[in-house]
N, C-alpha and C. Protein backbone atom coordinates (compact mmCIF):
# COMPACT_ATOMS: atom_id res chain seq x y z
N UNK A 1 115.66 90.34 107.90
CA UNK A 1 114.70 90.67 108.94
C UNK A 1 113.29 90.43 108.42
N UNK A 2 112.43 89.93 109.26
CA UNK A 2 111.03 89.72 108.93
C UNK A 2 110.26 91.00 109.28
N UNK A 3 109.57 91.54 108.29
CA UNK A 3 108.81 92.77 108.52
C UNK A 3 107.33 92.44 108.65
N UNK A 4 106.67 93.12 109.56
CA UNK A 4 105.23 92.99 109.69
C UNK A 4 104.56 93.78 108.57
N UNK A 5 105.13 94.92 108.23
CA UNK A 5 104.56 95.74 107.19
C UNK A 5 105.63 96.35 106.31
N UNK A 6 105.31 96.45 105.04
CA UNK A 6 106.17 97.15 104.10
C UNK A 6 105.30 98.23 103.48
N UNK A 7 105.67 99.47 103.69
CA UNK A 7 104.92 100.60 103.15
C UNK A 7 105.52 100.98 101.81
N UNK A 8 104.69 100.92 100.78
CA UNK A 8 105.15 101.16 99.41
C UNK A 8 104.38 102.37 98.89
N UNK A 9 105.09 103.45 98.63
CA UNK A 9 104.42 104.67 98.19
C UNK A 9 105.43 105.62 97.56
N UNK A 10 104.92 106.55 96.74
CA UNK A 10 105.82 107.61 96.26
C UNK A 10 106.33 108.39 97.46
N UNK A 11 107.51 108.96 97.35
CA UNK A 11 108.11 109.66 98.49
C UNK A 11 107.19 110.71 99.09
N UNK A 12 106.48 111.47 98.25
CA UNK A 12 105.62 112.52 98.78
C UNK A 12 104.41 111.99 99.54
N UNK A 13 104.16 110.69 99.44
CA UNK A 13 103.06 110.08 100.18
C UNK A 13 103.56 109.01 101.14
N UNK A 14 104.78 109.16 101.62
CA UNK A 14 105.34 108.17 102.54
C UNK A 14 104.61 108.21 103.88
N UNK A 15 104.84 107.19 104.67
CA UNK A 15 104.17 107.07 105.96
C UNK A 15 104.51 108.27 106.85
N UNK A 16 103.51 108.76 107.53
CA UNK A 16 103.68 109.93 108.40
C UNK A 16 104.57 109.57 109.61
N UNK A 17 105.33 110.55 110.11
CA UNK A 17 106.24 110.29 111.24
C UNK A 17 105.54 109.74 112.49
N UNK A 18 104.32 110.15 112.77
CA UNK A 18 103.64 109.65 113.97
C UNK A 18 103.34 108.15 113.87
N UNK A 19 103.04 107.68 112.66
CA UNK A 19 102.78 106.25 112.47
C UNK A 19 104.08 105.46 112.67
N UNK A 20 105.16 105.96 112.08
CA UNK A 20 106.45 105.29 112.25
C UNK A 20 106.89 105.29 113.71
N UNK A 21 106.67 106.39 114.39
CA UNK A 21 107.03 106.48 115.82
C UNK A 21 106.25 105.45 116.63
N UNK A 22 104.97 105.28 116.31
CA UNK A 22 104.14 104.29 117.01
C UNK A 22 104.68 102.88 116.78
N UNK A 23 105.01 102.57 115.54
CA UNK A 23 105.56 101.24 115.23
C UNK A 23 106.87 101.01 115.96
N UNK A 24 107.73 102.01 115.95
CA UNK A 24 109.02 101.88 116.63
C UNK A 24 108.86 101.75 118.14
N UNK A 25 107.96 102.53 118.70
CA UNK A 25 107.70 102.47 120.14
C UNK A 25 107.28 101.06 120.56
N UNK A 26 106.49 100.41 119.72
CA UNK A 26 105.99 99.08 120.03
C UNK A 26 106.83 97.97 119.39
N UNK A 27 108.00 98.36 118.89
CA UNK A 27 108.96 97.42 118.31
C UNK A 27 108.34 96.54 117.21
N UNK A 28 107.56 97.18 116.37
CA UNK A 28 106.96 96.49 115.23
C UNK A 28 107.85 96.76 114.02
N UNK A 29 108.48 95.73 113.49
CA UNK A 29 109.39 95.95 112.36
C UNK A 29 108.63 96.31 111.09
N UNK A 30 109.14 97.30 110.38
CA UNK A 30 108.54 97.71 109.12
C UNK A 30 109.64 98.19 108.19
N UNK A 31 109.27 98.31 106.95
CA UNK A 31 110.19 98.84 105.94
C UNK A 31 109.40 99.78 105.04
N UNK A 32 110.11 100.69 104.41
CA UNK A 32 109.50 101.60 103.45
C UNK A 32 110.26 101.50 102.14
N UNK A 33 109.53 101.63 101.05
CA UNK A 33 110.17 101.61 99.74
C UNK A 33 109.29 102.36 98.73
N UNK A 34 109.91 102.76 97.66
CA UNK A 34 109.18 103.35 96.55
C UNK A 34 109.18 102.39 95.37
N UNK A 35 109.60 101.15 95.60
CA UNK A 35 109.77 100.18 94.51
C UNK A 35 108.91 98.94 94.71
N UNK A 36 107.69 99.01 94.27
CA UNK A 36 106.77 97.87 94.38
C UNK A 36 107.34 96.62 93.72
N UNK A 37 107.87 96.76 92.53
CA UNK A 37 108.36 95.61 91.78
C UNK A 37 109.43 94.83 92.54
N UNK A 38 110.23 95.52 93.33
CA UNK A 38 111.31 94.85 94.06
C UNK A 38 110.81 94.02 95.24
N UNK A 39 109.74 94.46 95.88
CA UNK A 39 109.27 93.75 97.08
C UNK A 39 108.09 92.82 96.80
N UNK A 40 107.44 92.98 95.67
CA UNK A 40 106.26 92.19 95.35
C UNK A 40 106.46 90.69 95.50
N UNK A 41 107.56 90.11 95.02
CA UNK A 41 107.73 88.65 95.14
C UNK A 41 107.82 88.15 96.59
N UNK A 42 108.13 89.02 97.53
CA UNK A 42 108.28 88.60 98.93
C UNK A 42 107.02 88.80 99.76
N UNK A 43 106.02 89.47 99.21
CA UNK A 43 104.83 89.79 100.00
C UNK A 43 103.86 88.62 100.11
N UNK A 44 103.32 88.45 101.31
CA UNK A 44 102.26 87.46 101.52
C UNK A 44 100.89 88.07 101.24
N UNK A 45 100.80 89.38 101.45
CA UNK A 45 99.55 90.10 101.23
C UNK A 45 99.90 91.53 100.81
N UNK A 46 99.03 92.09 99.98
CA UNK A 46 99.20 93.48 99.61
C UNK A 46 97.84 94.16 99.77
N UNK A 47 97.86 95.27 100.48
CA UNK A 47 96.66 96.09 100.67
C UNK A 47 96.92 97.38 99.91
N UNK A 48 96.21 97.54 98.83
CA UNK A 48 96.44 98.69 97.96
C UNK A 48 95.24 99.62 98.05
N UNK A 49 95.50 100.90 98.08
CA UNK A 49 94.41 101.88 98.14
C UNK A 49 94.46 102.78 96.92
N UNK A 50 93.39 103.46 96.68
CA UNK A 50 93.34 104.40 95.57
C UNK A 50 94.00 105.70 95.98
N UNK A 51 94.35 106.50 95.00
CA UNK A 51 94.86 107.83 95.26
C UNK A 51 93.68 108.67 95.75
N UNK A 52 93.76 109.16 96.94
CA UNK A 52 92.64 109.90 97.54
C UNK A 52 92.78 111.39 97.23
N UNK A 53 92.37 111.74 96.04
CA UNK A 53 92.52 113.11 95.56
C UNK A 53 91.70 114.11 96.36
N UNK A 54 90.70 113.63 97.08
CA UNK A 54 89.89 114.55 97.88
C UNK A 54 90.68 115.20 99.02
N UNK A 55 91.86 114.66 99.33
CA UNK A 55 92.70 115.22 100.38
C UNK A 55 93.77 116.16 99.81
N UNK A 56 93.85 116.26 98.50
CA UNK A 56 94.82 117.17 97.89
C UNK A 56 94.56 118.60 98.33
N UNK A 57 95.62 119.33 98.52
CA UNK A 57 95.48 120.76 98.82
C UNK A 57 95.86 121.61 97.62
N UNK A 58 96.67 121.04 96.72
CA UNK A 58 97.09 121.80 95.54
C UNK A 58 97.19 120.89 94.31
N UNK A 59 96.36 119.84 94.25
CA UNK A 59 96.39 118.94 93.12
C UNK A 59 97.65 118.11 93.03
N UNK A 60 98.31 117.88 94.17
CA UNK A 60 99.60 117.19 94.18
C UNK A 60 99.54 115.76 93.66
N UNK A 61 98.42 115.09 93.80
CA UNK A 61 98.36 113.70 93.32
C UNK A 61 98.38 113.62 91.79
N UNK A 62 98.03 114.71 91.12
CA UNK A 62 98.10 114.73 89.66
C UNK A 62 99.53 114.70 89.15
N UNK A 63 100.48 115.02 90.01
CA UNK A 63 101.89 115.06 89.63
C UNK A 63 102.63 113.76 89.93
N UNK A 64 101.91 112.73 90.34
CA UNK A 64 102.54 111.47 90.72
C UNK A 64 102.31 110.44 89.62
N UNK A 65 103.37 109.82 89.18
CA UNK A 65 103.28 108.73 88.21
C UNK A 65 102.93 107.46 88.98
N UNK A 66 101.69 107.03 88.86
CA UNK A 66 101.20 105.91 89.66
C UNK A 66 101.39 104.54 89.02
N UNK A 67 101.78 104.49 87.78
CA UNK A 67 101.88 103.19 87.10
C UNK A 67 102.82 102.23 87.84
N UNK A 68 103.87 102.74 88.45
CA UNK A 68 104.79 101.87 89.17
C UNK A 68 104.26 101.41 90.52
N UNK A 69 103.07 101.91 90.91
CA UNK A 69 102.44 101.51 92.17
C UNK A 69 101.12 100.80 91.92
N UNK A 70 100.90 100.36 90.69
CA UNK A 70 99.64 99.72 90.30
C UNK A 70 99.84 98.22 90.15
N UNK A 71 98.71 97.49 90.25
CA UNK A 71 98.72 96.05 90.09
C UNK A 71 97.96 95.70 88.82
N UNK A 72 98.64 94.97 87.94
CA UNK A 72 98.03 94.50 86.69
C UNK A 72 98.51 93.09 86.43
N UNK A 73 98.24 92.61 85.27
CA UNK A 73 98.62 91.24 84.91
C UNK A 73 100.13 90.98 85.08
N UNK A 74 101.01 91.90 84.66
CA UNK A 74 102.45 91.62 84.85
C UNK A 74 102.83 91.46 86.33
N UNK A 75 102.23 92.23 87.20
CA UNK A 75 102.55 92.14 88.63
C UNK A 75 102.03 90.84 89.23
N UNK A 76 100.93 90.32 88.70
CA UNK A 76 100.40 89.05 89.20
C UNK A 76 101.41 87.93 89.08
N UNK A 77 102.18 87.94 88.00
CA UNK A 77 103.16 86.87 87.81
C UNK A 77 104.30 86.95 88.83
N UNK A 78 104.50 88.11 89.43
CA UNK A 78 105.55 88.26 90.44
C UNK A 78 105.07 87.89 91.84
N UNK A 79 103.77 87.86 92.05
CA UNK A 79 103.21 87.54 93.37
C UNK A 79 103.31 86.06 93.69
N UNK A 80 103.44 85.76 94.96
CA UNK A 80 103.41 84.36 95.40
C UNK A 80 102.06 83.75 95.03
N UNK A 81 102.03 82.45 94.77
CA UNK A 81 100.76 81.79 94.41
C UNK A 81 99.69 81.88 95.49
N UNK A 82 100.13 81.99 96.76
CA UNK A 82 99.16 82.06 97.86
C UNK A 82 99.06 83.45 98.48
N UNK A 83 99.62 84.45 97.83
CA UNK A 83 99.50 85.83 98.31
C UNK A 83 98.06 86.30 98.11
N UNK A 84 97.67 87.34 98.84
CA UNK A 84 96.34 87.89 98.65
C UNK A 84 96.44 89.38 98.33
N UNK A 85 95.48 89.85 97.55
CA UNK A 85 95.40 91.26 97.17
C UNK A 85 94.13 91.82 97.79
N UNK A 86 94.28 92.86 98.59
CA UNK A 86 93.13 93.48 99.24
C UNK A 86 93.03 94.94 98.80
N UNK A 87 91.81 95.47 98.84
CA UNK A 87 91.55 96.85 98.46
C UNK A 87 90.25 97.27 99.13
N UNK A 88 90.16 98.50 99.65
CA UNK A 88 88.93 98.92 100.35
C UNK A 88 87.78 99.30 99.43
N UNK A 89 88.04 99.48 98.12
CA UNK A 89 87.05 99.91 97.15
C UNK A 89 86.44 101.26 97.55
N UNK A 90 86.02 102.09 96.70
CA UNK A 90 86.06 101.93 95.26
C UNK A 90 87.49 102.06 94.77
N UNK A 91 87.73 101.50 93.64
CA UNK A 91 89.08 101.54 93.10
C UNK A 91 89.18 102.58 92.00
N UNK A 92 90.42 102.92 91.74
CA UNK A 92 90.74 103.79 90.61
C UNK A 92 91.60 102.98 89.66
N UNK A 93 92.61 103.62 89.14
CA UNK A 93 93.46 102.94 88.16
C UNK A 93 94.59 102.14 88.81
N UNK A 94 94.58 102.02 90.14
CA UNK A 94 95.65 101.29 90.82
C UNK A 94 95.54 99.77 90.69
N UNK A 95 94.37 99.26 90.32
CA UNK A 95 94.21 97.83 90.07
C UNK A 95 93.52 97.67 88.72
N UNK A 96 94.18 96.99 87.82
CA UNK A 96 93.60 96.71 86.51
C UNK A 96 92.42 95.77 86.70
N UNK A 97 91.27 96.03 86.05
CA UNK A 97 90.12 95.14 86.18
C UNK A 97 90.43 93.68 85.83
N UNK A 98 91.46 93.42 85.04
CA UNK A 98 91.84 92.04 84.71
C UNK A 98 92.25 91.27 85.97
N UNK A 99 92.69 91.98 87.00
CA UNK A 99 93.11 91.34 88.26
C UNK A 99 91.92 90.72 88.98
N UNK A 100 90.72 91.23 88.73
CA UNK A 100 89.51 90.75 89.41
C UNK A 100 89.33 89.24 89.27
N UNK A 101 89.75 88.68 88.16
CA UNK A 101 89.57 87.24 87.89
C UNK A 101 90.58 86.37 88.60
N UNK A 102 91.61 86.96 89.16
CA UNK A 102 92.65 86.19 89.84
C UNK A 102 92.13 85.75 91.22
N UNK A 103 92.30 84.48 91.59
CA UNK A 103 91.79 84.01 92.89
C UNK A 103 92.45 84.69 94.09
N UNK A 104 93.58 85.35 93.89
CA UNK A 104 94.23 86.05 94.99
C UNK A 104 93.58 87.40 95.28
N UNK A 105 92.73 87.87 94.38
CA UNK A 105 92.04 89.15 94.56
C UNK A 105 90.90 88.96 95.55
N UNK A 106 91.06 89.50 96.73
CA UNK A 106 90.09 89.30 97.81
C UNK A 106 89.13 90.46 97.98
N UNK A 107 89.30 91.54 97.25
CA UNK A 107 88.52 92.75 97.54
C UNK A 107 87.02 92.56 97.32
N UNK A 108 86.61 91.73 96.34
CA UNK A 108 85.17 91.52 96.17
C UNK A 108 84.63 90.68 97.32
N UNK A 109 85.43 89.76 97.82
CA UNK A 109 85.02 88.98 98.99
C UNK A 109 84.99 89.86 100.23
N UNK A 110 85.90 90.85 100.30
CA UNK A 110 85.90 91.80 101.41
C UNK A 110 84.62 92.62 101.39
N UNK A 111 84.21 93.02 100.19
CA UNK A 111 83.08 93.93 100.01
C UNK A 111 81.74 93.26 100.31
N UNK A 112 81.60 91.99 99.98
CA UNK A 112 80.31 91.30 100.12
C UNK A 112 79.72 91.40 101.52
N UNK A 113 80.48 91.11 102.60
CA UNK A 113 79.88 91.23 103.94
C UNK A 113 79.44 92.66 104.25
N UNK A 114 80.15 93.64 103.72
CA UNK A 114 79.79 95.03 103.97
C UNK A 114 78.47 95.36 103.29
N UNK A 115 78.30 94.90 102.06
CA UNK A 115 77.04 95.13 101.35
C UNK A 115 75.90 94.44 102.09
N UNK A 116 76.12 93.20 102.52
CA UNK A 116 75.08 92.47 103.24
C UNK A 116 74.74 93.16 104.56
N UNK A 117 75.75 93.66 105.27
CA UNK A 117 75.50 94.36 106.53
C UNK A 117 74.72 95.64 106.28
N UNK A 118 75.09 96.37 105.24
CA UNK A 118 74.40 97.62 104.91
C UNK A 118 72.96 97.33 104.55
N UNK A 119 72.71 96.31 103.75
CA UNK A 119 71.34 95.96 103.38
C UNK A 119 70.55 95.54 104.61
N UNK A 120 71.18 94.80 105.50
CA UNK A 120 70.52 94.40 106.74
C UNK A 120 70.15 95.59 107.59
N UNK A 121 71.03 96.57 107.66
CA UNK A 121 70.74 97.78 108.43
C UNK A 121 69.56 98.52 107.83
N UNK A 122 69.52 98.60 106.52
CA UNK A 122 68.40 99.29 105.86
C UNK A 122 67.09 98.59 106.16
N UNK A 123 67.10 97.26 106.13
CA UNK A 123 65.88 96.53 106.39
C UNK A 123 65.42 96.69 107.83
N UNK A 124 66.37 96.80 108.76
CA UNK A 124 65.97 96.94 110.16
C UNK A 124 65.53 98.36 110.48
N UNK A 125 65.98 99.35 109.72
CA UNK A 125 65.61 100.74 109.95
C UNK A 125 64.29 101.07 109.27
N UNK A 126 64.04 100.47 108.11
CA UNK A 126 62.83 100.76 107.35
C UNK A 126 62.01 99.49 107.26
N UNK A 127 61.05 99.32 108.17
CA UNK A 127 60.24 98.10 108.14
C UNK A 127 59.46 97.99 106.83
N UNK A 128 59.49 96.83 106.26
CA UNK A 128 58.80 96.60 104.99
C UNK A 128 57.30 96.69 105.17
N UNK A 129 56.63 97.25 104.18
CA UNK A 129 55.18 97.26 104.16
C UNK A 129 54.51 98.35 104.97
N UNK A 130 55.28 99.20 105.63
CA UNK A 130 54.66 100.26 106.43
C UNK A 130 54.54 101.51 105.57
N UNK A 131 53.34 102.01 105.35
CA UNK A 131 53.13 103.16 104.48
C UNK A 131 53.96 104.38 104.87
N UNK A 132 54.13 104.62 106.17
CA UNK A 132 54.88 105.80 106.59
C UNK A 132 56.35 105.73 106.18
N UNK A 133 56.89 104.50 106.08
CA UNK A 133 58.29 104.38 105.65
C UNK A 133 58.43 104.75 104.18
N UNK A 134 57.43 104.44 103.38
CA UNK A 134 57.48 104.83 101.97
C UNK A 134 57.41 106.33 101.81
N UNK A 135 56.62 107.00 102.64
CA UNK A 135 56.51 108.46 102.57
C UNK A 135 57.85 109.10 102.90
N UNK A 136 58.51 108.60 103.92
CA UNK A 136 59.80 109.15 104.32
C UNK A 136 60.82 108.98 103.20
N UNK A 137 60.83 107.79 102.61
CA UNK A 137 61.80 107.53 101.54
C UNK A 137 61.55 108.40 100.32
N UNK A 138 60.30 108.68 100.02
CA UNK A 138 60.02 109.46 98.82
C UNK A 138 60.16 110.96 99.07
N UNK A 139 60.39 111.35 100.32
CA UNK A 139 60.56 112.75 100.64
C UNK A 139 59.26 113.49 100.85
N UNK A 140 58.16 112.76 100.97
CA UNK A 140 56.86 113.42 101.13
C UNK A 140 56.32 113.31 102.56
N UNK A 141 57.19 113.02 103.51
CA UNK A 141 56.75 112.92 104.90
C UNK A 141 56.30 114.28 105.39
N UNK A 142 55.23 114.29 106.17
CA UNK A 142 54.77 115.58 106.69
C UNK A 142 54.56 115.49 108.18
């Protein structure tokens, strides 16, 4: 079967039932696994996120062995030559910095338009050369 998505996570962080229900309702095929190494060679793209410890209620993410869900040099050799690796940044230990040099790593290319958009917004909100904008930025506005 061809899957649109494969959710790879430790059991305690598996996809929530409402998400699965939505996919099933709309007949979107998906699979779940706790074994990254087994599915990695078949993936066209992988979107990996960091462990979001800010959502922990009892430090539960500290009890998860994440090495089997991380991407490093050994995992790169299992990926298809034209697969892509995406990440929303900032990253934690889920992607080894050595992966950054691989042409399949798209996260820096993902980030660039966001940085440019943010800089553009700043420039449009704070007109250059206006003394009052400098006062506001320095916190001395009155």
